[in-house]
Amino acid sequence: MPTQPPGTAPAPGAAADPAILAAAITVANAAADAAGAIARAYFRTRIPADLKPDQSPVTRADREAEQAMRAIITAALPEHGILGEEFGLERAEKPWRWVLDPIDGTRAFITGRPVFGTLIGLLHHGHPVLGVIDQPVTGERWLGVTGQPTRFTGRFGGAAGTRICPRLADAELSATSPDMLGSALPRFQVLAKATRRVTWGGDCYAYGLLALGHIDIIAERDLKIWDWAALLPVIEGAGGRVTDWAGAPLTAASAGDVLAVGDPTLLPAASAALRG
């Protein structure tokens, strides 16, 4: 299938020190390896889950995986800050900040479905400059670095590069769950009616499939920064775009609505549909 030229998206963090980024790639891969080993050890073991205050599930695997990644990052790059979903923020004043989601898709994880993933992002002065999506059960990993083509490794084949798809009518639309859309579900349905079809489920794995050219649009809401920071370098390095529903850049202050498109020419029409 035709694909977009990778690595051509805007890169606001491009001024980041290349030597630090090179070291960060090694650290990110080591962190993903450690988190993946923990996730695999608990996968399909009927691991119990607790409920957090927001009623989302969390398991021992989430906590242990984040602790393992924090230890690796701190040992290698002690001058970097870390923000994790389970254990919060440390070294908040640092210009380099890792953003970790040890198991994105805990509901999938505890129900035995291999469509969860570990998300590892790195911000430089608030801009995502590195991202990893790792699926430890299927052995697939996406690595995005600002200004570079996205790299993908996986045993099932596939190559990084979003699909050329300039028309909404030809687009494959995806979202994890209608529940996450809340009161914005009618606006999502406007977009859905304009596309070829809608598929549900996938969490971060769906964004990896978008970066491989199998999904064209993902529109979701209520995402935290650890849900999207790693996705942006991966998708934009594969030729796509990631914004909020209005088409504006994502920042730490964003409301949590995320729109990802494989073909950047889809962005205006998709955003207009989501505005109702």
Foldseek 3Di string as FASTA:
>chain_A
DDFFQFLPFDFPPVPPDVVVVVLVVVLVVVLQVQLLVLLVVCFPPLFDWDADPVRDTDGPSQVVSVVSSVVSCCVSPVLEWEAEPPPGTDPVVHQKYKYWGSWFPVVCRNVRHQLIWIWIFIGGNFATAWIWTARSVQGWIWIFGRSAAIAIDGPVDFGFGADDDLFQQAFEEEEADCVQCPPLSVLVVLSQVRHNHYDYRRQVSVLVVRRRHPGFKYKGFPAACSSPSRSQRRLNSNPKHKDALQRHHDGNPDRGIIMIGRHNSCNVVSSVSSVD
